[in-house]
């Protein structure tokens, strides 16, 4: 075989390996970042779900404080 053909074949194999490796690493990074965003959204949804409960508790506390202030 001609040495030029061997060099070309090795170059092709190296290029394919490098490209596939880059794609895999990029895919893993994208999946990791998506998972982190999903965790943040879930945390935010939990906070948004708990907020009305906290607001109701604040109303009860304010009502009790008003009752105590009027007793004096």
N, C-alpha and C. Protein backbone atom coordinates (compact mmCIF):
# COMPACT_ATOMS: atom_id res chain seq x y z
N UNK A 1 0.83 -1.18 0.00
CA UNK A 1 0.00 0.00 0.00
C UNK A 1 0.87 1.24 0.00
N UNK A 2 0.36 2.24 -0.60
CA UNK A 2 1.09 3.49 -0.67
C UNK A 2 1.07 4.16 0.70
N UNK A 3 2.17 4.79 1.09
CA UNK A 3 2.26 5.43 2.40
C UNK A 3 1.27 6.58 2.52
N UNK A 4 0.93 7.23 1.42
CA UNK A 4 -0.05 8.32 1.46
C UNK A 4 -1.43 7.80 1.84
N UNK A 5 -1.77 6.62 1.37
CA UNK A 5 -3.07 6.03 1.69
C UNK A 5 -3.11 5.65 3.17
N UNK A 6 -2.03 5.11 3.68
CA UNK A 6 -1.98 4.73 5.10
C UNK A 6 -2.11 5.96 5.99
N UNK A 7 -1.41 7.04 5.64
CA UNK A 7 -1.49 8.28 6.41
C UNK A 7 -2.90 8.84 6.35
N UNK A 8 -3.52 8.79 5.18
CA UNK A 8 -4.89 9.29 5.04
C UNK A 8 -5.86 8.48 5.88
N UNK A 9 -5.70 7.15 5.90
CA UNK A 9 -6.57 6.29 6.69
C UNK A 9 -6.39 6.56 8.19
N UNK A 10 -5.16 6.73 8.63
CA UNK A 10 -4.90 7.04 10.04
C UNK A 10 -5.48 8.40 10.41
N UNK A 11 -5.36 9.34 9.51
CA UNK A 11 -5.94 10.67 9.75
C UNK A 11 -7.45 10.59 9.86
N UNK A 12 -8.07 9.79 9.01
CA UNK A 12 -9.53 9.61 9.05
C UNK A 12 -9.95 8.99 10.37
N UNK A 13 -9.25 7.95 10.80
CA UNK A 13 -9.57 7.29 12.07
C UNK A 13 -9.40 8.26 13.25
N UNK A 14 -8.32 9.02 13.25
CA UNK A 14 -8.10 10.00 14.32
C UNK A 14 -9.16 11.08 14.33
N UNK A 15 -9.55 11.55 13.17
CA UNK A 15 -10.58 12.59 13.09
C UNK A 15 -11.93 12.06 13.59
N UNK A 16 -12.28 10.85 13.18
CA UNK A 16 -13.54 10.25 13.63
C UNK A 16 -13.54 10.04 15.15
N UNK A 17 -12.44 9.54 15.68
CA UNK A 17 -12.35 9.31 17.13
C UNK A 17 -12.45 10.63 17.89
N UNK A 18 -11.76 11.65 17.43
CA UNK A 18 -11.82 12.95 18.09
C UNK A 18 -13.20 13.56 18.03
N UNK A 19 -13.85 13.46 16.89
CA UNK A 19 -15.19 14.02 16.74
C UNK A 19 -16.20 13.30 17.64
N UNK A 20 -16.14 11.97 17.65
CA UNK A 20 -17.06 11.21 18.49
C UNK A 20 -16.81 11.48 19.98
N UNK A 21 -15.55 11.59 20.35
CA UNK A 21 -15.23 11.91 21.74
C UNK A 21 -15.78 13.27 22.14
N UNK A 22 -15.62 14.25 21.28
CA UNK A 22 -16.15 15.58 21.56
C UNK A 22 -17.66 15.59 21.68
N UNK A 23 -18.31 14.83 20.82
CA UNK A 23 -19.77 14.76 20.86
C UNK A 23 -20.23 14.12 22.18
N UNK A 24 -19.55 13.05 22.60
CA UNK A 24 -19.93 12.38 23.85
C UNK A 24 -19.74 13.30 25.06
N UNK A 25 -18.62 13.99 25.11
CA UNK A 25 -18.35 14.89 26.24
C UNK A 25 -19.37 16.03 26.25
N UNK A 26 -19.65 16.58 25.10
CA UNK A 26 -20.63 17.66 25.01
C UNK A 26 -22.02 17.18 25.43
N UNK A 27 -22.38 15.99 25.04
CA UNK A 27 -23.68 15.42 25.41
C UNK A 27 -23.78 15.22 26.92
N UNK A 28 -22.71 14.72 27.54
CA UNK A 28 -22.71 14.52 28.99
C UNK A 28 -22.85 15.86 29.72
N UNK A 29 -22.14 16.88 29.25
CA UNK A 29 -22.23 18.20 29.87
C UNK A 29 -23.63 18.77 29.73
N UNK A 30 -24.23 18.62 28.56
CA UNK A 30 -25.58 19.12 28.34
C UNK A 30 -26.57 18.41 29.25
N UNK A 31 -26.45 17.10 29.38
CA UNK A 31 -27.33 16.34 30.26
C UNK A 31 -27.17 16.76 31.72
N UNK A 32 -25.94 17.01 32.13
CA UNK A 32 -25.67 17.45 33.50
C UNK A 32 -26.33 18.80 33.77
N UNK A 33 -26.16 19.73 32.84
CA UNK A 33 -26.73 21.06 33.02
C UNK A 33 -28.25 21.01 33.01
N UNK A 34 -28.84 20.18 32.18
CA UNK A 34 -30.29 20.02 32.18
C UNK A 34 -30.78 19.46 33.51
N UNK A 35 -30.05 18.52 34.07
CA UNK A 35 -30.43 17.95 35.36
C UNK A 35 -30.37 19.01 36.45
N UNK A 36 -29.34 19.85 36.41
CA UNK A 36 -29.23 20.92 37.40
C UNK A 36 -30.38 21.91 37.27
N UNK A 37 -30.77 22.24 36.05
CA UNK A 37 -31.91 23.14 35.84
C UNK A 37 -33.21 22.50 36.32
N UNK A 38 -33.38 21.22 36.09
CA UNK A 38 -34.58 20.52 36.57
C UNK A 38 -34.63 20.55 38.09
N UNK A 39 -33.48 20.38 38.74
CA UNK A 39 -33.45 20.44 40.20
C UNK A 39 -33.83 21.82 40.70
N UNK A 40 -33.37 22.86 40.04
CA UNK A 40 -33.72 24.22 40.44
C UNK A 40 -35.20 24.50 40.24
N UNK A 41 -35.75 24.02 39.15
CA UNK A 41 -37.18 24.20 38.89
C UNK A 41 -38.00 23.46 39.94
N UNK A 42 -37.59 22.26 40.30
CA UNK A 42 -38.31 21.50 41.32
C UNK A 42 -38.24 22.22 42.67
N UNK A 43 -37.10 22.78 42.98
CA UNK A 43 -36.95 23.54 44.23
C UNK A 43 -37.86 24.76 44.21
N UNK A 44 -37.90 25.45 43.10
CA UNK A 44 -38.76 26.62 42.98
C UNK A 44 -40.23 26.24 43.09
N UNK A 45 -40.62 25.13 42.47
CA UNK A 45 -42.00 24.69 42.54
C UNK A 45 -42.39 24.33 43.97
N UNK A 46 -41.47 23.74 44.70
CA UNK A 46 -41.72 23.42 46.11
C UNK A 46 -41.93 24.70 46.90
N UNK A 47 -41.10 25.70 46.64
CA UNK A 47 -41.23 26.99 47.33
C UNK A 47 -42.56 27.64 46.97
N UNK A 48 -42.94 27.62 45.70
CA UNK A 48 -44.20 28.23 45.27
C UNK A 48 -45.39 27.48 45.87
N UNK A 49 -45.25 26.20 46.11
CA UNK A 49 -46.32 25.42 46.71
C UNK A 49 -46.47 25.74 48.20
N UNK A 50 -45.36 25.99 48.88
CA UNK A 50 -45.39 26.26 50.31
C UNK A 50 -45.77 27.69 50.65
N UNK A 51 -45.60 28.61 49.71
CA UNK A 51 -45.82 30.03 50.00
C UNK A 51 -47.26 30.33 50.44
N UNK A 52 -48.30 29.80 49.79
CA UNK A 52 -49.66 30.09 50.28
C UNK A 52 -49.89 29.60 51.71
N UNK A 53 -49.26 28.51 52.10
CA UNK A 53 -49.39 28.00 53.47
C UNK A 53 -48.78 29.00 54.44
N UNK A 54 -47.62 29.53 54.09
CA UNK A 54 -46.95 30.51 54.95
C UNK A 54 -47.78 31.78 55.04
N UNK A 55 -48.34 32.22 53.93
CA UNK A 55 -49.18 33.41 53.95
C UNK A 55 -50.39 33.23 54.86
N UNK A 56 -50.99 32.06 54.82
CA UNK A 56 -52.14 31.79 55.70
C UNK A 56 -51.72 31.81 57.16
N UNK A 57 -50.56 31.25 57.46
CA UNK A 57 -50.07 31.26 58.84
C UNK A 57 -49.79 32.69 59.30
N UNK A 58 -49.29 33.53 58.43
CA UNK A 58 -49.04 34.94 58.78
C UNK A 58 -50.35 35.65 59.07
N UNK A 59 -51.39 35.37 58.30
CA UNK A 59 -52.70 35.97 58.55
C UNK A 59 -53.22 35.59 59.93
N UNK A 60 -53.06 34.31 60.29
CA UNK A 60 -53.51 33.84 61.60
C UNK A 60 -52.72 34.53 62.70
N UNK A 61 -51.42 34.64 62.53
CA UNK A 61 -50.58 35.30 63.54
C UNK A 61 -50.98 36.76 63.68
N UNK A 62 -51.19 37.45 62.57
CA UNK A 62 -51.60 38.86 62.63
C UNK A 62 -52.94 39.01 63.32
N UNK A 63 -53.85 38.12 63.05
CA UNK A 63 -55.17 38.17 63.68
C UNK A 63 -55.05 37.98 65.19
N UNK A 64 -54.21 37.04 65.61
CA UNK A 64 -54.00 36.80 67.04
C UNK A 64 -53.33 38.00 67.70
N UNK A 65 -52.38 38.63 67.00
CA UNK A 65 -51.71 39.82 67.55
C UNK A 65 -52.71 40.97 67.72
N UNK A 66 -53.58 41.15 66.74
CA UNK A 66 -54.59 42.20 66.85
C UNK A 66 -55.50 41.94 68.04
N UNK A 67 -55.85 40.69 68.26
CA UNK A 67 -56.68 40.34 69.41
C UNK A 67 -55.98 40.65 70.71
N UNK A 68 -54.68 40.36 70.79
CA UNK A 68 -53.92 40.66 72.00
C UNK A 68 -53.77 42.17 72.22
N UNK A 69 -53.60 42.93 71.14
CA UNK A 69 -53.45 44.38 71.26
C UNK A 69 -54.74 45.03 71.74
N UNK A 70 -55.88 44.50 71.31
CA UNK A 70 -57.17 45.09 71.72
C UNK A 70 -57.55 44.71 73.14
N UNK A 71 -56.94 43.66 73.69
CA UNK A 71 -57.23 43.28 75.05
C UNK A 71 -56.61 44.26 76.05
N UNK A 72 -55.55 44.93 75.67
CA UNK A 72 -54.85 45.86 76.59
C UNK A 72 -55.61 47.09 76.82
